ModelCIF file with pLDDT and N, C-alpha, C, O atoms, coordinates in Angstrom:
data_MODEL
#
_entry.id   MODEL 
#
_entity.id                         1 
_entity.type                       polymer 
_entity.pdbx_number_of_molecules   1 
#
_entity_poly.entity_id                      1 
_entity_poly.type                           'polypeptide(L)' 
_entity_poly.nstd_linkage                   no 
_entity_poly.nstd_monomer                   no 
_entity_poly.pdbx_seq_one_letter_code       ESGGGLVQPGGSLRLSCARSGNIFSINAMGWYRHPPGKERE 
_entity_poly.pdbx_seq_one_letter_code_can   ESGGGLVQPGGSLRLSCARSGNIFSINAMGWYRHPPGKERE 
_entity_poly.pdbx_strand_id                 A 
#
loop_
_entity_poly_seq.entity_id 
_entity_poly_seq.num 
_entity_poly_seq.mon_id 
_entity_poly_seq.hetero 
1 1  GLU n 
1 2  SER n 
1 3  GLY n 
1 4  GLY n 
1 5  GLY n 
1 6  LEU n 
1 7  VAL n 
1 8  GLN n 
1 9  PRO n 
1 10 GLY n 
1 11 GLY n 
1 12 SER n 
1 13 LEU n 
1 14 ARG n 
1 15 LEU n 
1 16 SER n 
1 17 CYS n 
1 18 ALA n 
1 19 ARG n 
1 20 SER n 
1 21 GLY n 
1 22 ASN n 
1 23 ILE n 
1 24 PHE n 
1 25 SER n 
1 26 ILE n 
1 27 ASN n 
1 28 ALA n 
1 29 MET n 
1 30 GLY n 
1 31 TRP n 
1 32 TYR n 
1 33 ARG n 
1 34 HIS n 
1 35 PRO n 
1 36 PRO n 
1 37 GLY n 
1 38 LYS n 
1 39 GLU n 
1 40 ARG n 
1 41 GLU n 
#
_struct_asym.id          A 
_struct_asym.entity_id   1 
#
loop_
_ma_qa_metric.id 
_ma_qa_metric.mode 
_ma_qa_metric.name 
_ma_qa_metric.software_group_id 
_ma_qa_metric.type 
1 global pLDDT . pLDDT 
2 local  pLDDT . pLDDT 
#
_ma_qa_metric_global.metric_id      1 
_ma_qa_metric_global.metric_value   95.61 
_ma_qa_metric_global.model_id       1 
_ma_qa_metric_global.ordinal_id     1 
#
loop_
_ma_qa_metric_local.label_asym_id 
_ma_qa_metric_local.label_comp_id 
_ma_qa_metric_local.label_seq_id 
_ma_qa_metric_local.metric_id 
_ma_qa_metric_local.metric_value 
_ma_qa_metric_local.model_id 
_ma_qa_metric_local.ordinal_id 
A GLU 1  2 97.00 1 1  
A SER 2  2 97.00 1 2  
A GLY 3  2 97.00 1 3  
A GLY 4  2 98.00 1 4  
A GLY 5  2 98.00 1 5  
A LEU 6  2 98.00 1 6  
A VAL 7  2 98.00 1 7  
A GLN 8  2 98.00 1 8  
A PRO 9  2 98.00 1 9  
A GLY 10 2 98.00 1 10 
A GLY 11 2 98.00 1 11 
A SER 12 2 98.00 1 12 
A LEU 13 2 98.00 1 13 
A ARG 14 2 98.00 1 14 
A LEU 15 2 98.00 1 15 
A SER 16 2 98.00 1 16 
A CYS 17 2 98.00 1 17 
A ALA 18 2 97.00 1 18 
A ARG 19 2 95.00 1 19 
A SER 20 2 95.00 1 20 
A GLY 21 2 90.00 1 21 
A ASN 22 2 85.00 1 22 
A ILE 23 2 87.00 1 23 
A PHE 24 2 86.00 1 24 
A SER 25 2 92.00 1 25 
A ILE 26 2 93.00 1 26 
A ASN 27 2 93.00 1 27 
A ALA 28 2 95.00 1 28 
A MET 29 2 96.00 1 29 
A GLY 30 2 97.00 1 30 
A TRP 31 2 98.00 1 31 
A TYR 32 2 98.00 1 32 
A ARG 33 2 98.00 1 33 
A HIS 34 2 98.00 1 34 
A PRO 35 2 96.00 1 35 
A PRO 36 2 91.00 1 36 
A GLY 37 2 93.00 1 37 
A LYS 38 2 95.00 1 38 
A GLU 39 2 96.00 1 39 
A ARG 40 2 96.00 1 40 
A GLU 41 2 97.00 1 41 
#
loop_
_atom_site.group_PDB 
_atom_site.id 
_atom_site.type_symbol 
_atom_site.label_atom_id 
_atom_site.label_alt_id 
_atom_site.label_comp_id 
_atom_site.label_asym_id 
_atom_site.label_entity_id 
_atom_site.label_seq_id 
_atom_site.pdbx_PDB_ins_code 
_atom_site.Cartn_x 
_atom_site.Cartn_y 
_atom_site.Cartn_z 
_atom_site.occupancy 
_atom_site.B_iso_or_equiv 
_atom_site.pdbx_formal_charge 
_atom_site.auth_seq_id 
_atom_site.auth_comp_id 
_atom_site.auth_asym_id 
_atom_site.auth_atom_id 
_atom_site.pdbx_PDB_model_num 
ATOM 1   N N  . GLU A 1 1  ? 3.226   -1.699 6.430   1.00 97.00 ? 1  GLU A N  1 
ATOM 2   C CA . GLU A 1 1  ? 3.217   -2.295 5.097   1.00 97.00 ? 1  GLU A CA 1 
ATOM 3   C C  . GLU A 1 1  ? 4.401   -3.231 4.915   1.00 97.00 ? 1  GLU A C  1 
ATOM 4   O O  . GLU A 1 1  ? 5.431   -3.094 5.576   1.00 97.00 ? 1  GLU A O  1 
ATOM 5   N N  . SER A 1 2  ? 4.236   -4.178 4.011   1.00 97.00 ? 2  SER A N  1 
ATOM 6   C CA . SER A 1 2  ? 5.316   -5.061 3.618   1.00 97.00 ? 2  SER A CA 1 
ATOM 7   C C  . SER A 1 2  ? 5.045   -5.569 2.210   1.00 97.00 ? 2  SER A C  1 
ATOM 8   O O  . SER A 1 2  ? 3.924   -5.473 1.712   1.00 97.00 ? 2  SER A O  1 
ATOM 9   N N  . GLY A 1 3  ? 6.072   -6.106 1.577   1.00 97.00 ? 3  GLY A N  1 
ATOM 10  C CA . GLY A 1 3  ? 5.917   -6.745 0.284   1.00 97.00 ? 3  GLY A CA 1 
ATOM 11  C C  . GLY A 1 3  ? 6.454   -5.978 -0.902  1.00 97.00 ? 3  GLY A C  1 
ATOM 12  O O  . GLY A 1 3  ? 6.432   -6.489 -2.022  1.00 97.00 ? 3  GLY A O  1 
ATOM 13  N N  . GLY A 1 4  ? 6.932   -4.773 -0.693  1.00 98.00 ? 4  GLY A N  1 
ATOM 14  C CA . GLY A 1 4  ? 7.476   -4.013 -1.798  1.00 98.00 ? 4  GLY A CA 1 
ATOM 15  C C  . GLY A 1 4  ? 8.813   -4.561 -2.255  1.00 98.00 ? 4  GLY A C  1 
ATOM 16  O O  . GLY A 1 4  ? 9.416   -5.408 -1.595  1.00 98.00 ? 4  GLY A O  1 
ATOM 17  N N  . GLY A 1 5  ? 9.266   -4.065 -3.396  1.00 98.00 ? 5  GLY A N  1 
ATOM 18  C CA . GLY A 1 5  ? 10.540  -4.499 -3.929  1.00 98.00 ? 5  GLY A CA 1 
ATOM 19  C C  . GLY A 1 5  ? 10.709  -4.106 -5.373  1.00 98.00 ? 5  GLY A C  1 
ATOM 20  O O  . GLY A 1 5  ? 9.958   -3.290 -5.908  1.00 98.00 ? 5  GLY A O  1 
ATOM 21  N N  . LEU A 1 6  ? 11.706  -4.696 -5.995  1.00 98.00 ? 6  LEU A N  1 
ATOM 22  C CA . LEU A 1 6  ? 12.028  -4.457 -7.393  1.00 98.00 ? 6  LEU A CA 1 
ATOM 23  C C  . LEU A 1 6  ? 11.464  -5.583 -8.242  1.00 98.00 ? 6  LEU A C  1 
ATOM 24  O O  . LEU A 1 6  ? 11.650  -6.759 -7.929  1.00 98.00 ? 6  LEU A O  1 
ATOM 25  N N  . VAL A 1 7  ? 10.780  -5.224 -9.305  1.00 98.00 ? 7  VAL A N  1 
ATOM 26  C CA . VAL A 1 7  ? 10.177  -6.212 -10.192 1.00 98.00 ? 7  VAL A CA 1 
ATOM 27  C C  . VAL A 1 7  ? 10.284  -5.718 -11.628 1.00 98.00 ? 7  VAL A C  1 
ATOM 28  O O  . VAL A 1 7  ? 10.275  -4.513 -11.878 1.00 98.00 ? 7  VAL A O  1 
ATOM 29  N N  . GLN A 1 8  ? 10.385  -6.646 -12.565 1.00 98.00 ? 8  GLN A N  1 
ATOM 30  C CA . GLN A 1 8  ? 10.441  -6.289 -13.975 1.00 98.00 ? 8  GLN A CA 1 
ATOM 31  C C  . GLN A 1 8  ? 9.057   -5.958 -14.513 1.00 98.00 ? 8  GLN A C  1 
ATOM 32  O O  . GLN A 1 8  ? 8.055   -6.430 -13.977 1.00 98.00 ? 8  GLN A O  1 
ATOM 33  N N  . PRO A 1 9  ? 8.992   -5.153 -15.566 1.00 98.00 ? 9  PRO A N  1 
ATOM 34  C CA . PRO A 1 9  ? 7.692   -4.905 -16.187 1.00 98.00 ? 9  PRO A CA 1 
ATOM 35  C C  . PRO A 1 9  ? 6.991   -6.205 -16.556 1.00 98.00 ? 9  PRO A C  1 
ATOM 36  O O  . PRO A 1 9  ? 7.608   -7.141 -17.066 1.00 98.00 ? 9  PRO A O  1 
ATOM 37  N N  . GLY A 1 10 ? 5.701   -6.244 -16.290 1.00 98.00 ? 10 GLY A N  1 
ATOM 38  C CA . GLY A 1 10 ? 4.922   -7.447 -16.506 1.00 98.00 ? 10 GLY A CA 1 
ATOM 39  C C  . GLY A 1 10 ? 4.873   -8.382 -15.323 1.00 98.00 ? 10 GLY A C  1 
ATOM 40  O O  . GLY A 1 10 ? 4.102   -9.341 -15.325 1.00 98.00 ? 10 GLY A O  1 
ATOM 41  N N  . GLY A 1 11 ? 5.676   -8.125 -14.316 1.00 98.00 ? 11 GLY A N  1 
ATOM 42  C CA . GLY A 1 11 ? 5.714   -8.966 -13.143 1.00 98.00 ? 11 GLY A CA 1 
ATOM 43  C C  . GLY A 1 11 ? 4.629   -8.640 -12.148 1.00 98.00 ? 11 GLY A C  1 
ATOM 44  O O  . GLY A 1 11 ? 3.751   -7.817 -12.406 1.00 98.00 ? 11 GLY A O  1 
ATOM 45  N N  . SER A 1 12 ? 4.700   -9.303 -10.995 1.00 98.00 ? 12 SER A N  1 
ATOM 46  C CA . SER A 1 12 ? 3.678   -9.173 -9.962  1.00 98.00 ? 12 SER A CA 1 
ATOM 47  C C  . SER A 1 12 ? 4.312   -8.984 -8.596  1.00 98.00 ? 12 SER A C  1 
ATOM 48  O O  . SER A 1 12 ? 5.423   -9.447 -8.334  1.00 98.00 ? 12 SER A O  1 
ATOM 49  N N  . LEU A 1 13 ? 3.587   -8.298 -7.739  1.00 98.00 ? 13 LEU A N  1 
ATOM 50  C CA . LEU A 1 13 ? 3.926   -8.159 -6.335  1.00 98.00 ? 13 LEU A CA 1 
ATOM 51  C C  . LEU A 1 13 ? 2.645   -8.192 -5.530  1.00 98.00 ? 13 LEU A C  1 
ATOM 52  O O  . LEU A 1 13 ? 1.572   -7.856 -6.030  1.00 98.00 ? 13 LEU A O  1 
ATOM 53  N N  . ARG A 1 14 ? 2.767   -8.600 -4.277  1.00 98.00 ? 14 ARG A N  1 
ATOM 54  C CA . ARG A 1 14 ? 1.645   -8.572 -3.352  1.00 98.00 ? 14 ARG A CA 1 
ATOM 55  C C  . ARG A 1 14 ? 2.052   -7.790 -2.109  1.00 98.00 ? 14 ARG A C  1 
ATOM 56  O O  . ARG A 1 14 ? 2.980   -8.172 -1.397  1.00 98.00 ? 14 ARG A O  1 
ATOM 57  N N  . LEU A 1 15 ? 1.353   -6.700 -1.862  1.00 98.00 ? 15 LEU A N  1 
ATOM 58  C CA . LEU A 1 15 ? 1.590   -5.889 -0.687  1.00 98.00 ? 15 LEU A CA 1 
ATOM 59  C C  . LEU A 1 15 ? 0.642   -6.291 0.432   1.00 98.00 ? 15 LEU A C  1 
ATOM 60  O O  . LEU A 1 15 ? -0.497  -6.690 0.188   1.00 98.00 ? 15 LEU A O  1 
ATOM 61  N N  . SER A 1 16 ? 1.129   -6.181 1.659   1.00 98.00 ? 16 SER A N  1 
ATOM 62  C CA . SER A 1 16 ? 0.317   -6.460 2.830   1.00 98.00 ? 16 SER A CA 1 
ATOM 63  C C  . SER A 1 16 ? 0.370   -5.275 3.780   1.00 98.00 ? 16 SER A C  1 
ATOM 64  O O  . SER A 1 16 ? 1.379   -4.575 3.867   1.00 98.00 ? 16 SER A O  1 
ATOM 65  N N  . CYS A 1 17 ? -0.715  -5.063 4.480   1.00 98.00 ? 17 CYS A N  1 
ATOM 66  C CA . CYS A 1 17 ? -0.807  -4.013 5.482   1.00 98.00 ? 17 CYS A CA 1 
ATOM 67  C C  . CYS A 1 17 ? -1.421  -4.606 6.736   1.00 98.00 ? 17 CYS A C  1 
ATOM 68  O O  . CYS A 1 17 ? -2.567  -5.056 6.721   1.00 98.00 ? 17 CYS A O  1 
ATOM 69  N N  . ALA A 1 18 ? -0.663  -4.607 7.816   1.00 97.00 ? 18 ALA A N  1 
ATOM 70  C CA . ALA A 1 18 ? -1.116  -5.162 9.085   1.00 97.00 ? 18 ALA A CA 1 
ATOM 71  C C  . ALA A 1 18 ? -1.555  -4.044 10.015  1.00 97.00 ? 18 ALA A C  1 
ATOM 72  O O  . ALA A 1 18 ? -0.821  -3.080 10.235  1.00 97.00 ? 18 ALA A O  1 
ATOM 73  N N  . ARG A 1 19 ? -2.749  -4.180 10.553  1.00 95.00 ? 19 ARG A N  1 
ATOM 74  C CA . ARG A 1 19 ? -3.313  -3.183 11.446  1.00 95.00 ? 19 ARG A CA 1 
ATOM 75  C C  . ARG A 1 19 ? -3.203  -3.638 12.892  1.00 95.00 ? 19 ARG A C  1 
ATOM 76  O O  . ARG A 1 19 ? -3.364  -4.819 13.199  1.00 95.00 ? 19 ARG A O  1 
ATOM 77  N N  . SER A 1 20 ? -2.927  -2.685 13.778  1.00 95.00 ? 20 SER A N  1 
ATOM 78  C CA . SER A 1 20 ? -2.949  -2.935 15.208  1.00 95.00 ? 20 SER A CA 1 
ATOM 79  C C  . SER A 1 20 ? -3.488  -1.700 15.917  1.00 95.00 ? 20 SER A C  1 
ATOM 80  O O  . SER A 1 20 ? -3.604  -0.628 15.323  1.00 95.00 ? 20 SER A O  1 
ATOM 81  N N  . GLY A 1 21 ? -3.813  -1.866 17.188  1.00 90.00 ? 21 GLY A N  1 
ATOM 82  C CA . GLY A 1 21 ? -4.368  -0.769 17.963  1.00 90.00 ? 21 GLY A CA 1 
ATOM 83  C C  . GLY A 1 21 ? -5.885  -0.752 17.898  1.00 90.00 ? 21 GLY A C  1 
ATOM 84  O O  . GLY A 1 21 ? -6.509  -1.444 17.094  1.00 90.00 ? 21 GLY A O  1 
ATOM 85  N N  . ASN A 1 22 ? -6.447  0.054  18.764  1.00 85.00 ? 22 ASN A N  1 
ATOM 86  C CA . ASN A 1 22 ? -7.899  0.121  18.890  1.00 85.00 ? 22 ASN A CA 1 
ATOM 87  C C  . ASN A 1 22 ? -8.479  1.217  18.020  1.00 85.00 ? 22 ASN A C  1 
ATOM 88  O O  . ASN A 1 22 ? -7.884  2.280  17.843  1.00 85.00 ? 22 ASN A O  1 
ATOM 89  N N  . ILE A 1 23 ? -9.641  0.938  17.489  1.00 87.00 ? 23 ILE A N  1 
ATOM 90  C CA . ILE A 1 23 ? -10.416 1.947  16.774  1.00 87.00 ? 23 ILE A CA 1 
ATOM 91  C C  . ILE A 1 23 ? -11.880 1.574  16.905  1.00 87.00 ? 23 ILE A C  1 
ATOM 92  O O  . ILE A 1 23 ? -12.237 0.396  16.900  1.00 87.00 ? 23 ILE A O  1 
ATOM 93  N N  . PHE A 1 24 ? -12.716 2.583  17.022  1.00 86.00 ? 24 PHE A N  1 
ATOM 94  C CA . PHE A 1 24 ? -14.133 2.356  17.239  1.00 86.00 ? 24 PHE A CA 1 
ATOM 95  C C  . PHE A 1 24 ? -14.808 1.736  16.018  1.00 86.00 ? 24 PHE A C  1 
ATOM 96  O O  . PHE A 1 24 ? -15.631 0.829  16.148  1.00 86.00 ? 24 PHE A O  1 
ATOM 97  N N  . SER A 1 25 ? -14.460 2.222  14.852  1.00 92.00 ? 25 SER A N  1 
ATOM 98  C CA . SER A 1 25 ? -15.043 1.708  13.624  1.00 92.00 ? 25 SER A CA 1 
ATOM 99  C C  . SER A 1 25 ? -14.078 1.975  12.479  1.00 92.00 ? 25 SER A C  1 
ATOM 100 O O  . SER A 1 25 ? -13.143 2.765  12.609  1.00 92.00 ? 25 SER A O  1 
ATOM 101 N N  . ILE A 1 26 ? -14.315 1.311  11.367  1.00 93.00 ? 26 ILE A N  1 
ATOM 102 C CA . ILE A 1 26 ? -13.497 1.470  10.180  1.00 93.00 ? 26 ILE A CA 1 
ATOM 103 C C  . ILE A 1 26 ? -14.414 1.746  9.002   1.00 93.00 ? 26 ILE A C  1 
ATOM 104 O O  . ILE A 1 26 ? -15.331 0.975  8.718   1.00 93.00 ? 26 ILE A O  1 
ATOM 105 N N  . ASN A 1 27 ? -14.162 2.834  8.333   1.00 93.00 ? 27 ASN A N  1 
ATOM 106 C CA . ASN A 1 27 ? -14.895 3.145  7.117   1.00 93.00 ? 27 ASN A CA 1 
ATOM 107 C C  . ASN A 1 27 ? -14.301 2.420  5.915   1.00 93.00 ? 27 ASN A C  1 
ATOM 108 O O  . ASN A 1 27 ? -15.023 1.831  5.111   1.00 93.00 ? 27 ASN A O  1 
ATOM 109 N N  . ALA A 1 28 ? -12.977 2.471  5.803   1.00 95.00 ? 28 ALA A N  1 
ATOM 110 C CA . ALA A 1 28 ? -12.306 1.852  4.675   1.00 95.00 ? 28 ALA A CA 1 
ATOM 111 C C  . ALA A 1 28 ? -10.830 1.673  4.982   1.00 95.00 ? 28 ALA A C  1 
ATOM 112 O O  . ALA A 1 28 ? -10.272 2.357  5.840   1.00 95.00 ? 28 ALA A O  1 
ATOM 113 N N  . MET A 1 29 ? -10.212 0.751  4.275   1.00 96.00 ? 29 MET A N  1 
ATOM 114 C CA . MET A 1 29 ? -8.773  0.607  4.252   1.00 96.00 ? 29 MET A CA 1 
ATOM 115 C C  . MET A 1 29 ? -8.338  0.446  2.808   1.00 96.00 ? 29 MET A C  1 
ATOM 116 O O  . MET A 1 29 ? -9.130  0.060  1.949   1.00 96.00 ? 29 MET A O  1 
ATOM 117 N N  . GLY A 1 30 ? -7.081  0.743  2.550   1.00 97.00 ? 30 GLY A N  1 
ATOM 118 C CA . GLY A 1 30 ? -6.605  0.591  1.191   1.00 97.00 ? 30 GLY A CA 1 
ATOM 119 C C  . GLY A 1 30 ? -5.225  1.163  1.006   1.00 97.00 ? 30 GLY A C  1 
ATOM 120 O O  . GLY A 1 30 ? -4.401  1.177  1.920   1.00 97.00 ? 30 GLY A O  1 
ATOM 121 N N  . TRP A 1 31 ? -4.990  1.642  -0.214  1.00 98.00 ? 31 TRP A N  1 
ATOM 122 C CA . TRP A 1 31 ? -3.647  2.000  -0.627  1.00 98.00 ? 31 TRP A CA 1 
ATOM 123 C C  . TRP A 1 31 ? -3.630  3.277  -1.441  1.00 98.00 ? 31 TRP A C  1 
ATOM 124 O O  . TRP A 1 31 ? -4.415  3.444  -2.375  1.00 98.00 ? 31 TRP A O  1 
ATOM 125 N N  . TYR A 1 32 ? -2.734  4.171  -1.082  1.00 98.00 ? 32 TYR A N  1 
ATOM 126 C CA . TYR A 1 32 ? -2.313  5.289  -1.901  1.00 98.00 ? 32 TYR A CA 1 
ATOM 127 C C  . TYR A 1 32 ? -0.907  5.016  -2.411  1.00 98.00 ? 32 TYR A C  1 
ATOM 128 O O  . TYR A 1 32 ? -0.193  4.166  -1.877  1.00 98.00 ? 32 TYR A O  1 
ATOM 129 N N  . ARG A 1 33 ? -0.524  5.736  -3.434  1.00 98.00 ? 33 ARG A N  1 
ATOM 130 C CA . ARG A 1 33 ? 0.852   5.690  -3.885  1.00 98.00 ? 33 ARG A CA 1 
ATOM 131 C C  . ARG A 1 33 ? 1.329   7.084  -4.245  1.00 98.00 ? 33 ARG A C  1 
ATOM 132 O O  . ARG A 1 33 ? 0.537   7.956  -4.602  1.00 98.00 ? 33 ARG A O  1 
ATOM 133 N N  . HIS A 1 34 ? 2.633   7.278  -4.145  1.00 98.00 ? 34 HIS A N  1 
ATOM 134 C CA . HIS A 1 34 ? 3.250   8.555  -4.448  1.00 98.00 ? 34 HIS A CA 1 
ATOM 135 C C  . HIS A 1 34 ? 4.409   8.318  -5.409  1.00 98.00 ? 34 HIS A C  1 
ATOM 136 O O  . HIS A 1 34 ? 5.523   8.020  -4.975  1.00 98.00 ? 34 HIS A O  1 
ATOM 137 N N  . PRO A 1 35 ? 4.155   8.448  -6.715  1.00 96.00 ? 35 PRO A N  1 
ATOM 138 C CA . PRO A 1 35 ? 5.243   8.275  -7.678  1.00 96.00 ? 35 PRO A CA 1 
ATOM 139 C C  . PRO A 1 35 ? 6.240   9.427  -7.588  1.00 96.00 ? 35 PRO A C  1 
ATOM 140 O O  . PRO A 1 35 ? 5.868   10.524 -7.171  1.00 96.00 ? 35 PRO A O  1 
ATOM 141 N N  . PRO A 1 36 ? 7.482   9.205  -7.966  1.00 91.00 ? 36 PRO A N  1 
ATOM 142 C CA . PRO A 1 36 ? 8.459   10.292 -7.914  1.00 91.00 ? 36 PRO A CA 1 
ATOM 143 C C  . PRO A 1 36 ? 8.071   11.421 -8.857  1.00 91.00 ? 36 PRO A C  1 
ATOM 144 O O  . PRO A 1 36 ? 7.761   11.189 -10.025 1.00 91.00 ? 36 PRO A O  1 
ATOM 145 N N  . GLY A 1 37 ? 8.090   12.627 -8.346  1.00 93.00 ? 37 GLY A N  1 
ATOM 146 C CA . GLY A 1 37 ? 7.774   13.797 -9.148  1.00 93.00 ? 37 GLY A CA 1 
ATOM 147 C C  . GLY A 1 37 ? 6.309   13.994 -9.455  1.00 93.00 ? 37 GLY A C  1 
ATOM 148 O O  . GLY A 1 37 ? 5.959   14.882 -10.232 1.00 93.00 ? 37 GLY A O  1 
ATOM 149 N N  . LYS A 1 38 ? 5.442   13.189 -8.867  1.00 95.00 ? 38 LYS A N  1 
ATOM 150 C CA . LYS A 1 38 ? 4.018   13.288 -9.114  1.00 95.00 ? 38 LYS A CA 1 
ATOM 151 C C  . LYS A 1 38 ? 3.258   13.389 -7.800  1.00 95.00 ? 38 LYS A C  1 
ATOM 152 O O  . LYS A 1 38 ? 3.821   13.224 -6.718  1.00 95.00 ? 38 LYS A O  1 
ATOM 153 N N  . GLU A 1 39 ? 1.970   13.663 -7.924  1.00 96.00 ? 39 GLU A N  1 
ATOM 154 C CA . GLU A 1 39 ? 1.132   13.798 -6.743  1.00 96.00 ? 39 GLU A CA 1 
ATOM 155 C C  . GLU A 1 39 ? 0.690   12.435 -6.224  1.00 96.00 ? 39 GLU A C  1 
ATOM 156 O O  . GLU A 1 39 ? 0.621   11.456 -6.968  1.00 96.00 ? 39 GLU A O  1 
ATOM 157 N N  . ARG A 1 40 ? 0.397   12.399 -4.944  1.00 96.00 ? 40 ARG A N  1 
ATOM 158 C CA . ARG A 1 40 ? -0.158  11.204 -4.338  1.00 96.00 ? 40 ARG A CA 1 
ATOM 159 C C  . ARG A 1 40 ? -1.522  10.896 -4.947  1.00 96.00 ? 40 ARG A C  1 
ATOM 160 O O  . ARG A 1 40 ? -2.294  11.807 -5.245  1.00 96.00 ? 40 ARG A O  1 
ATOM 161 N N  . GLU A 1 41 ? -1.814  9.616  -5.130  1.00 97.00 ? 41 GLU A N  1 
ATOM 162 C CA . GLU A 1 41 ? -3.086  9.220  -5.699  1.00 97.00 ? 41 GLU A CA 1 
ATOM 163 C C  . GLU A 1 41 ? -3.618  7.976  -5.000  1.00 97.00 ? 41 GLU A C  1 
ATOM 164 O O  . GLU A 1 41 ? -4.693  7.485  -5.346  1.00 97.00 ? 41 GLU A O  1 
#
């Protein structure tokens, strides 16, 4: 992953995820997040 950082409320960020290595097939890709003190979602 790349693209994270500090931003003010109302601002924008763009995250990127680069894949490498072999895999037979892909069902899905995407993003989870883990806020402090909370569960992963």
